[in-house]
Amino acid sequence: ETNIYKQNLKKKLGTLYDYKILAETTHKGIIADNINILTEAINSSKQVKLKQYQSAKSNDISDRLVEPFAFTTNYVQIWAFEPVSGKNKLFKVSRIGKVGQLETPFQYKSKHKMGFMDLFRMSSEKLYPVKIKMSIRAAMLLMEEYPLAEKEMIQTSDNEWILETKVCSFEGIGRFVIGLCDEIKVLESDLFKRFLSEKV
């Protein structure tokens, strides 16, 4: 999921081969079955029910009626429009208990729109600029945990790095910064600084 070379290869393979074949080679069991049902729903423009979906945000388990329309790399998450909330959301495939096939065709296709996903794997329809200065230790940990960050990092001295990027939420980068607060200085933005201050 976090390896840029693997991501690029999967995208190329996805354009050449049947998604069903790729799903079965990258996942097993119920996850592979769910991916295949979601793929069929996308291809046939049919709604599905995500049964027993475990939400990390609301901390509950519930069924979700959605219109799926795109996978993220390696089938880790699925973009879907949720009629009850009127929003396009990312659902983690591993948190779906079972995908229920429905015969109802898409009702909201004109509203299907992928949002953004930042390097900390957060998603939203908005982006917020951030800029941090890191020690070499913090920079190495960031690249190990979030390899996609490397392309947005600049080394300014032997032991100092700058990350300048845009994030979907301050939660992801905030956890990283708070965990290494002695190794990182926040340069931008004031909104991010305020977020961290309230968290601390």
C-alpha atoms as a PDB file:
ATOM      1  CA  GLU A   1       0.000   0.000   0.000  1.00  0.00           C
ATOM      2  CA  THR A   2       2.772   2.450   0.866  1.00  0.00           C
ATOM      3  CA  ASN A   3       5.371   1.455  -1.731  1.00  0.00           C
ATOM      4  CA  ILE A   4       5.338   3.837  -4.706  1.00  0.00           C
ATOM      5  CA  TYR A   5       6.945   1.311  -7.086  1.00  0.00           C
ATOM      6  CA  LYS A   6       4.385  -1.334  -6.153  1.00  0.00           C
ATOM      7  CA  GLN A   7       1.583   1.186  -6.624  1.00  0.00           C
ATOM      8  CA  ASN A   8       2.761   2.127 -10.117  1.00  0.00           C
ATOM      9  CA  LEU A   9       3.132  -1.525 -11.112  1.00  0.00           C
ATOM     10  CA  LYS A  10      -0.354  -2.404  -9.834  1.00  0.00           C
ATOM     11  CA  LYS A  11      -1.861   0.499 -11.790  1.00  0.00           C
ATOM     12  CA  LYS A  12      -0.164  -0.705 -14.986  1.00  0.00           C
ATOM     13  CA  LEU A  13      -1.264  -4.288 -14.414  1.00  0.00           C
ATOM     14  CA  GLY A  14      -4.793  -3.077 -13.687  1.00  0.00           C
ATOM     15  CA  THR A  15      -5.035  -1.542 -17.139  1.00  0.00           C
ATOM     16  CA  LEU A  16      -3.904  -4.795 -18.793  1.00  0.00           C
ATOM     17  CA  TYR A  17      -5.595  -7.531 -16.806  1.00  0.00           C
ATOM     18  CA  ASP A  18      -8.975  -8.377 -15.316  1.00  0.00           C
ATOM     19  CA  TYR A  19      -9.368  -6.821 -11.852  1.00  0.00           C
ATOM     20  CA  LYS A  20     -10.809 -10.118 -10.601  1.00  0.00           C
ATOM     21  CA  ILE A  21      -7.536 -11.914 -11.358  1.00  0.00           C
ATOM     22  CA  LEU A  22      -5.513  -9.242  -9.549  1.00  0.00           C
ATOM     23  CA  ALA A  23      -7.806  -9.326  -6.507  1.00  0.00           C
ATOM     24  CA  GLU A  24      -7.328 -13.069  -6.130  1.00  0.00           C
ATOM     25  CA  THR A  25      -3.542 -12.784  -6.367  1.00  0.00           C
ATOM     26  CA  THR A  26      -3.246  -9.961  -3.819  1.00  0.00           C
ATOM     27  CA  HIS A  27      -5.943 -10.978  -1.308  1.00  0.00           C
ATOM     28  CA  LYS A  28      -7.469 -14.182   0.014  1.00  0.00           C
ATOM     29  CA  GLY A  29     -10.725 -15.431   1.485  1.00  0.00           C
ATOM     30  CA  ILE A  30     -13.597 -13.090   2.291  1.00  0.00           C
ATOM     31  CA  ILE A  31     -11.600  -9.974   1.327  1.00  0.00           C
ATOM     32  CA  ALA A  32     -10.995 -11.323  -2.188  1.00  0.00           C
ATOM     33  CA  ASP A  33     -14.695 -12.278  -2.438  1.00  0.00           C
ATOM     34  CA  ASN A  34     -15.734  -8.789  -1.329  1.00  0.00           C
ATOM     35  CA  ILE A  35     -13.375  -7.163  -3.844  1.00  0.00           C
ATOM     36  CA  ASN A  36     -14.834  -9.271  -6.643  1.00  0.00           C
ATOM     37  CA  ILE A  37     -18.428  -8.369  -5.693  1.00  0.00           C
ATOM     38  CA  LEU A  38     -17.489  -4.674  -5.488  1.00  0.00           C
ATOM     39  CA  THR A  39     -15.773  -4.898  -8.887  1.00  0.00           C
ATOM     40  CA  GLU A  40     -18.895  -6.428 -10.416  1.00  0.00           C
ATOM     41  CA  ALA A  41     -21.035  -3.701  -8.818  1.00  0.00           C
ATOM     42  CA  ILE A  42     -18.802  -0.996 -10.293  1.00  0.00           C
ATOM     43  CA  ASN A  43     -18.900  -2.596 -13.747  1.00  0.00           C
ATOM     44  CA  SER A  44     -22.695  -3.082 -13.683  1.00  0.00           C
ATOM     45  CA  SER A  45     -23.444   0.250 -11.904  1.00  0.00           C
ATOM     46  CA  LYS A  46     -25.330  -1.433  -9.049  1.00  0.00           C
ATOM     47  CA  GLN A  47     -25.684  -0.439  -5.399  1.00  0.00           C
ATOM     48  CA  VAL A  48     -24.321  -2.720  -2.667  1.00  0.00           C
ATOM     49  CA  LYS A  49     -24.677  -3.089   1.081  1.00  0.00           C
ATOM     50  CA  LEU A  50     -21.476  -3.149   3.136  1.00  0.00           C
ATOM     51  CA  LYS A  51     -22.587  -5.503   5.913  1.00  0.00           C
ATOM     52  CA  GLN A  52     -21.123  -5.228   9.411  1.00  0.00           C
ATOM     53  CA  TYR A  53     -18.771  -2.400   8.428  1.00  0.00           C
ATOM     54  CA  GLN A  54     -16.406  -1.483  11.288  1.00  0.00           C
ATOM     55  CA  SER A  55     -15.966   2.276  11.350  1.00  0.00           C
ATOM     56  CA  ALA A  56     -12.817   3.613  13.002  1.00  0.00           C
ATOM     57  CA  LYS A  57     -14.268   7.152  13.086  1.00  0.00           C
ATOM     58  CA  SER A  58     -17.586   6.460  14.781  1.00  0.00           C
ATOM     59  CA  ASN A  59     -16.318   3.324  16.537  1.00  0.00           C
ATOM     60  CA  ASP A  60     -19.415   1.302  15.635  1.00  0.00           C
ATOM     61  CA  ILE A  61     -20.438  -1.610  13.409  1.00  0.00           C
ATOM     62  CA  SER A  62     -23.292  -1.105  10.964  1.00  0.00           C
ATOM     63  CA  ASP A  63     -24.587  -1.871   7.476  1.00  0.00           C
ATOM     64  CA  ARG A  64     -23.946   0.812   4.822  1.00  0.00           C
ATOM     65  CA  LEU A  65     -25.857   1.224   1.569  1.00  0.00           C
ATOM     66  CA  VAL A  66     -23.425   2.637  -0.998  1.00  0.00           C
ATOM     67  CA  GLU A  67     -22.666   3.097  -4.677  1.00  0.00           C
ATOM     68  CA  PRO A  68     -19.045   1.938  -5.183  1.00  0.00           C
ATOM     69  CA  PHE A  69     -17.131   3.466  -8.073  1.00  0.00           C
ATOM     70  CA  ALA A  70     -13.322   3.173  -7.610  1.00  0.00           C
ATOM     71  CA  PHE A  71     -10.625   1.320  -5.669  1.00  0.00           C
ATOM     72  CA  THR A  72      -7.477   2.803  -4.232  1.00  0.00           C
ATOM     73  CA  THR A  73      -4.188   1.076  -5.055  1.00  0.00           C
ATOM     74  CA  ASN A  74      -3.997  -2.598  -4.106  1.00  0.00           C
ATOM     75  CA  TYR A  75      -7.724  -2.669  -3.256  1.00  0.00           C
ATOM     76  CA  VAL A  76      -7.033  -1.324   0.225  1.00  0.00           C
ATOM     77  CA  GLN A  77     -10.034   1.022   0.147  1.00  0.00           C
ATOM     78  CA  ILE A  78     -13.077   1.684  -2.005  1.00  0.00           C
ATOM     79  CA  TRP A  79     -14.514   5.044  -2.999  1.00  0.00           C
ATOM     80  CA  ALA A  80     -18.298   5.002  -2.718  1.00  0.00           C
ATOM     81  CA  PHE A  81     -21.178   7.447  -2.567  1.00  0.00           C
ATOM     82  CA  GLU A  82     -23.306   6.974   0.556  1.00  0.00           C
ATOM     83  CA  PRO A  83     -26.881   8.208  -0.076  1.00  0.00           C
ATOM     84  CA  VAL A  84     -27.818   8.541   3.613  1.00  0.00           C
ATOM     85  CA  SER A  85     -25.006  11.038   4.266  1.00  0.00           C
ATOM     86  CA  GLY A  86     -24.935  12.470   0.744  1.00  0.00           C
ATOM     87  CA  LYS A  87     -21.133  12.133   0.704  1.00  0.00           C
ATOM     88  CA  ASN A  88     -18.414  10.315  -1.202  1.00  0.00           C
ATOM     89  CA  LYS A  89     -16.406   8.285   1.299  1.00  0.00           C
ATOM     90  CA  LEU A  90     -13.503   5.887   1.487  1.00  0.00           C
ATOM     91  CA  PHE A  91     -14.296   2.512   3.039  1.00  0.00           C
ATOM     92  CA  LYS A  92     -11.494   0.183   4.085  1.00  0.00           C
ATOM     93  CA  VAL A  93     -12.060  -3.194   2.407  1.00  0.00           C
ATOM     94  CA  SER A  94     -10.636  -5.161   5.361  1.00  0.00           C
ATOM     95  CA  ARG A  95     -13.298  -3.660   7.650  1.00  0.00           C
ATOM     96  CA  ILE A  96     -16.229  -4.936   5.557  1.00  0.00           C
ATOM     97  CA  GLY A  97     -17.832  -8.063   7.024  1.00  0.00           C
ATOM     98  CA  LYS A  98     -19.524  -9.026   3.748  1.00  0.00           C
ATOM     99  CA  VAL A  99     -20.655  -7.215   0.611  1.00  0.00           C
ATOM    100  CA  GLY A 100     -24.324  -7.748  -0.164  1.00  0.00           C
ATOM    101  CA  GLN A 101     -25.181  -7.674  -3.871  1.00  0.00           C
ATOM    102  CA  LEU A 102     -28.239  -5.600  -4.808  1.00  0.00           C
ATOM    103  CA  GLU A 103     -30.139  -5.232  -8.074  1.00  0.00           C
ATOM    104  CA  THR A 104     -30.775  -1.521  -7.559  1.00  0.00           C
ATOM    105  CA  PRO A 105     -28.978   0.545 -10.226  1.00  0.00           C
ATOM    106  CA  PHE A 106     -26.989   3.642  -9.298  1.00  0.00           C
ATOM    107  CA  GLN A 107     -29.260   6.550  -8.370  1.00  0.00           C
ATOM    108  CA  TYR A 108     -26.567   9.186  -7.781  1.00  0.00           C
ATOM    109  CA  LYS A 109     -23.943   8.594 -10.479  1.00  0.00           C
ATOM    110  CA  SER A 110     -23.599  12.329 -11.201  1.00  0.00           C
ATOM    111  CA  LYS A 111     -22.427  12.823  -7.601  1.00  0.00           C
ATOM    112  CA  HIS A 112     -19.672  10.211  -7.732  1.00  0.00           C
ATOM    113  CA  LYS A 113     -16.392  12.002  -7.168  1.00  0.00           C
ATOM    114  CA  MET A 114     -13.108  10.817  -5.731  1.00  0.00           C
ATOM    115  CA  GLY A 115     -11.696  13.046  -3.037  1.00  0.00           C
ATOM    116  CA  PHE A 116      -8.059  13.442  -2.084  1.00  0.00           C
ATOM    117  CA  MET A 117      -5.863  11.049  -0.132  1.00  0.00           C
ATOM    118  CA  ASP A 118      -2.755  12.380   1.573  1.00  0.00           C
ATOM    119  CA  LEU A 119       0.494  10.571   2.313  1.00  0.00           C
ATOM    120  CA  PHE A 120      -0.734   9.803   5.852  1.00  0.00           C
ATOM    121  CA  ARG A 121      -3.650   7.849   4.288  1.00  0.00           C
ATOM    122  CA  MET A 122      -6.280  10.359   5.344  1.00  0.00           C
ATOM    123  CA  SER A 123      -8.977  11.344   2.862  1.00  0.00           C
ATOM    124  CA  SER A 124     -11.279  14.322   2.315  1.00  0.00           C
ATOM    125  CA  GLU A 125     -12.544  16.723  -0.326  1.00  0.00           C
ATOM    126  CA  LYS A 126     -10.285  19.529   0.975  1.00  0.00           C
ATOM    127  CA  LEU A 127      -6.536  19.964   1.315  1.00  0.00           C
ATOM    128  CA  TYR A 128      -4.623  21.930   3.949  1.00  0.00           C
ATOM    129  CA  PRO A 129      -0.988  23.065   3.539  1.00  0.00           C
ATOM    130  CA  VAL A 130       1.566  22.056   6.173  1.00  0.00           C
ATOM    131  CA  LYS A 131       5.318  22.489   6.490  1.00  0.00           C
ATOM    132  CA  ILE A 132       7.554  20.904   9.128  1.00  0.00           C
ATOM    133  CA  LYS A 133      11.285  20.842   9.846  1.00  0.00           C
ATOM    134  CA  MET A 134      12.643  17.496  11.062  1.00  0.00           C
ATOM    135  CA  SER A 135      15.764  15.959  12.517  1.00  0.00           C
ATOM    136  CA  ILE A 136      17.362  13.200  10.471  1.00  0.00           C
ATOM    137  CA  ARG A 137      15.856  10.636  12.868  1.00  0.00           C
ATOM    138  CA  ALA A 138      12.327  11.990  12.357  1.00  0.00           C
ATOM    139  CA  ALA A 139      12.877  12.157   8.592  1.00  0.00           C
ATOM    140  CA  MET A 140      14.062   8.538   8.418  1.00  0.00           C
ATOM    141  CA  LEU A 141      11.098   7.374  10.527  1.00  0.00           C
ATOM    142  CA  LEU A 142       8.709   9.309   8.283  1.00  0.00           C
ATOM    143  CA  MET A 143      10.121   7.712   5.122  1.00  0.00           C
ATOM    144  CA  GLU A 144      10.025   4.252   6.705  1.00  0.00           C
ATOM    145  CA  GLU A 145       6.427   4.589   7.871  1.00  0.00           C
ATOM    146  CA  TYR A 146       5.134   6.661   4.942  1.00  0.00           C
ATOM    147  CA  PRO A 147       7.431   6.035   1.911  1.00  0.00           C
ATOM    148  CA  LEU A 148       5.351   8.291  -0.339  1.00  0.00           C
ATOM    149  CA  ALA A 149       6.524  11.255   1.765  1.00  0.00           C
ATOM    150  CA  GLU A 150      10.014  11.058   0.262  1.00  0.00           C
ATOM    151  CA  LYS A 151       9.041  12.865  -2.947  1.00  0.00           C
ATOM    152  CA  GLU A 152       7.822  15.855  -0.906  1.00  0.00           C
ATOM    153  CA  MET A 153      10.883  16.098   1.363  1.00  0.00           C
ATOM    154  CA  ILE A 154      13.973  18.271   0.939  1.00  0.00           C
ATOM    155  CA  GLN A 155      17.242  17.818   2.824  1.00  0.00           C
ATOM    156  CA  THR A 156      18.457  21.263   3.918  1.00  0.00           C
ATOM    157  CA  SER A 157      21.571  20.144   5.843  1.00  0.00           C
ATOM    158  CA  ASP A 158      23.312  16.992   7.046  1.00  0.00           C
ATOM    159  CA  ASN A 159      20.841  16.548   9.877  1.00  0.00           C
ATOM    160  CA  GLU A 160      17.784  18.544   8.840  1.00  0.00           C
ATOM    161  CA  TRP A 161      14.890  17.853   6.492  1.00  0.00           C
ATOM    162  CA  ILE A 162      11.815  19.811   5.407  1.00  0.00           C
ATOM    163  CA  LEU A 163       8.458  18.280   4.533  1.00  0.00           C
ATOM    164  CA  GLU A 164       6.096  20.576   2.666  1.00  0.00           C
ATOM    165  CA  THR A 165       2.843  18.968   1.616  1.00  0.00           C
ATOM    166  CA  LYS A 166      -0.941  19.209   1.680  1.00  0.00           C
ATOM    167  CA  VAL A 167      -3.020  17.015   3.949  1.00  0.00           C
ATOM    168  CA  CYS A 168      -6.671  16.016   4.054  1.00  0.00           C
ATOM    169  CA  SER A 169      -6.782  16.175   7.832  1.00  0.00           C
ATOM    170  CA  PHE A 170      -4.413  17.224  10.604  1.00  0.00           C
ATOM    171  CA  GLU A 171      -5.088  13.942  12.430  1.00  0.00           C
ATOM    172  CA  GLY A 172      -2.594  11.823  10.480  1.00  0.00           C
ATOM    173  CA  ILE A 173       0.344  14.220  10.426  1.00  0.00           C
ATOM    174  CA  GLY A 174      -0.612  15.391  13.920  1.00  0.00           C
ATOM    175  CA  ARG A 175      -0.063  11.915  15.403  1.00  0.00           C
ATOM    176  CA  PHE A 176       3.357  11.792  13.764  1.00  0.00           C
ATOM    177  CA  VAL A 177       4.400  15.259  14.972  1.00  0.00           C
ATOM    178  CA  ILE A 178       3.160  14.763  18.544  1.00  0.00           C
ATOM    179  CA  GLY A 179       4.944  11.403  18.751  1.00  0.00           C
ATOM    180  CA  LEU A 180       8.252  13.075  17.816  1.00  0.00           C
ATOM    181  CA  CYS A 181       7.652  16.562  19.225  1.00  0.00           C
ATOM    182  CA  ASP A 182      11.299  16.975  20.319  1.00  0.00           C
ATOM    183  CA  GLU A 183      12.515  16.194  16.798  1.00  0.00           C
ATOM    184  CA  ILE A 184      10.089  18.337  14.758  1.00  0.00           C
ATOM    185  CA  LYS A 185       9.350  22.042  14.409  1.00  0.00           C
ATOM    186  CA  VAL A 186       6.128  23.141  12.730  1.00  0.00           C
ATOM    187  CA  LEU A 187       6.773  25.962  10.248  1.00  0.00           C
ATOM    188  CA  GLU A 188       3.293  26.174   8.686  1.00  0.00           C
ATOM    189  CA  SER A 189       0.397  26.616   9.076  1.00  0.00           C
ATOM    190  CA  ASP A 190      -1.150  28.575  11.936  1.00  0.00           C
ATOM    191  CA  LEU A 191      -4.230  26.356  11.637  1.00  0.00           C
ATOM    192  CA  PHE A 192      -2.078  23.241  12.098  1.00  0.00           C
ATOM    193  CA  LYS A 193      -0.260  24.835  15.060  1.00  0.00           C
ATOM    194  CA  ARG A 194      -3.609  25.587  16.672  1.00  0.00           C
ATOM    195  CA  PHE A 195      -4.758  22.007  16.096  1.00  0.00           C
ATOM    196  CA  LEU A 196      -1.618  20.655  17.794  1.00  0.00           C
ATOM    197  CA  SER A 197      -1.955  23.090  20.686  1.00  0.00           C
ATOM    198  CA  GLU A 198      -5.519  21.939  21.341  1.00  0.00           C
ATOM    199  CA  LYS A 199      -4.486  18.271  21.132  1.00  0.00           C
ATOM    200  CA  VAL A 200      -1.587  18.709  23.550  1.00  0.00           C
END
